[in-house]
Amino acid sequence: MGITKTELFTKQQNDIAAMGKAIAHPARIAILQYLVKKNACVCGDLVDELGLAQATTSQHLKELKTAGIIQGSIEGASVCYCINPRVWKQYKELFNAFFKDVDPQGNCC
């Protein structure tokens, strides 16, 4: 394995890349969409919603939680998840800044 050389890039570039990597799977997008739609902590019904195995769903939740996009709390025998509003806002702002409007006046290609 080679060195990633992330130090060559800005903090913003590294943050956007980390977020992109964290959400770079359709199951994770589905989880985030479901949590945003519910706008509340969700306990246990993600497996039914996604149609994936419990272990697979747990792995995707772990990746999202590690990235800080979601947060979880233990309630009884189950773990409940919701969007982390602070991190969600941070990445929304990063992506909005990244996806700036392109000036259609330019003569490109």
Protein backbone atom coordinates (compact mmCIF):
# COMPACT_ATOMS: atom_id res chain seq x y z
CA MET A 1 0.00 0.00 0.00
CA GLY A 2 1.22 3.46 -0.83
CA ILE A 3 1.03 6.54 1.29
CA THR A 4 -2.14 8.58 0.71
CA LYS A 5 -0.37 11.94 0.99
CA THR A 6 -3.45 13.61 2.40
CA GLU A 7 -1.17 16.34 3.75
CA LEU A 8 -0.86 17.62 0.17
CA PHE A 9 -4.52 18.69 0.25
CA THR A 10 -6.48 21.26 2.23
CA LYS A 11 -8.52 20.38 5.30
CA GLN A 12 -11.67 21.12 3.29
CA GLN A 13 -10.60 18.75 0.49
CA ASN A 14 -9.83 16.01 3.00
CA ASP A 15 -13.13 16.58 4.83
CA ILE A 16 -15.16 16.39 1.61
CA ALA A 17 -13.30 13.23 0.58
CA ALA A 18 -13.93 11.62 3.98
CA MET A 19 -17.63 12.43 3.79
CA GLY A 20 -17.82 11.13 0.24
CA LYS A 21 -16.16 7.90 1.29
CA ALA A 22 -18.52 7.51 4.26
CA ILE A 23 -21.63 7.81 2.08
CA ALA A 24 -20.23 6.01 -0.97
CA HIS A 25 -22.55 3.02 -0.76
CA PRO A 26 -26.24 2.87 -1.73
CA ALA A 27 -27.14 1.19 1.57
CA ARG A 28 -25.66 4.10 3.50
CA ILE A 29 -27.54 6.59 1.34
CA ALA A 30 -30.74 4.62 2.05
CA ILE A 31 -30.01 4.66 5.79
CA LEU A 32 -29.43 8.41 5.78
CA GLN A 33 -32.56 9.07 3.71
CA TYR A 34 -34.61 6.95 6.08
CA LEU A 35 -33.25 8.70 9.18
CA VAL A 36 -33.82 12.13 7.63
CA LYS A 37 -37.38 11.16 6.65
CA LYS A 38 -38.15 9.87 10.15
CA ASN A 39 -36.51 12.90 11.77
CA ALA A 40 -36.28 10.94 15.03
CA CYS A 41 -34.23 8.20 16.62
CA VAL A 42 -34.85 4.89 14.89
CA CYS A 43 -34.52 1.66 16.83
CA GLY A 44 -34.36 -1.71 15.15
CA ASP A 45 -36.49 -1.25 12.02
CA LEU A 46 -33.58 -0.36 9.73
CA VAL A 47 -33.00 -4.02 8.89
CA ASP A 48 -36.61 -4.40 7.78
CA GLU A 49 -36.48 -1.12 5.87
CA LEU A 50 -33.28 -1.98 3.97
CA GLY A 51 -33.87 -5.66 3.41
CA LEU A 52 -30.25 -6.44 4.25
CA ALA A 53 -28.89 -8.84 6.84
CA GLN A 54 -28.50 -7.54 10.38
CA ALA A 55 -24.71 -7.87 10.21
CA THR A 56 -24.54 -5.96 6.93
CA THR A 57 -26.80 -3.20 8.23
CA SER A 58 -24.73 -2.97 11.41
CA GLN A 59 -21.53 -2.58 9.40
CA HIS A 60 -23.01 0.29 7.38
CA LEU A 61 -24.28 1.94 10.57
CA LYS A 62 -20.81 1.59 12.08
CA GLU A 63 -19.22 3.36 9.10
CA LEU A 64 -21.72 6.22 9.31
CA LYS A 65 -21.26 6.50 13.06
CA THR A 66 -17.47 6.46 12.76
CA ALA A 67 -17.74 9.34 10.28
CA GLY A 68 -19.93 11.16 12.81
CA ILE A 69 -22.86 11.55 10.42
CA ILE A 70 -25.15 9.59 12.70
CA GLN A 71 -25.23 9.14 16.44
CA GLY A 72 -26.55 6.27 18.47
CA SER A 73 -27.77 5.57 21.94
CA ILE A 74 -28.52 2.33 23.73
CA GLU A 75 -32.13 1.92 24.84
CA GLY A 76 -32.69 -1.40 26.51
CA ALA A 77 -31.52 -4.20 24.25
CA SER A 78 -31.43 -2.10 21.08
CA VAL A 79 -29.32 0.73 19.70
CA CYS A 80 -31.20 3.73 18.34
CA TYR A 81 -29.77 5.94 15.60
CA CYS A 82 -30.43 9.45 14.34
CA ILE A 83 -28.73 12.10 12.22
CA ASN A 84 -26.05 14.08 14.06
CA PRO A 85 -27.37 17.58 13.29
CA ARG A 86 -24.07 19.37 13.92
CA VAL A 87 -22.09 17.15 11.54
CA TRP A 88 -24.96 17.05 9.01
CA LYS A 89 -24.94 20.86 8.88
CA GLN A 90 -21.15 20.96 8.59
CA TYR A 91 -21.10 18.60 5.61
CA LYS A 92 -24.09 20.24 3.99
CA GLU A 93 -22.14 23.51 4.03
CA LEU A 94 -19.00 21.79 2.70
CA PHE A 95 -20.86 20.16 -0.18
CA ASN A 96 -22.81 23.34 -0.98
CA ALA A 97 -19.51 25.23 -1.22
CA PHE A 98 -18.02 22.46 -3.34
CA PHE A 99 -20.94 22.25 -5.77
CA LYS A 100 -20.86 25.91 -6.76
CA ASP A 101 -22.78 27.11 -9.77
CA VAL A 102 -20.76 26.90 -12.95
CA ASP A 103 -20.73 29.92 -15.21
CA PRO A 104 -22.28 28.67 -18.48
CA GLN A 105 -20.68 31.58 -20.34
CA GLY A 106 -17.31 29.91 -20.47
CA ASN A 107 -16.12 28.23 -23.63
CA CYS A 108 -15.07 24.82 -22.46
CA CYS A 109 -14.34 22.04 -24.95
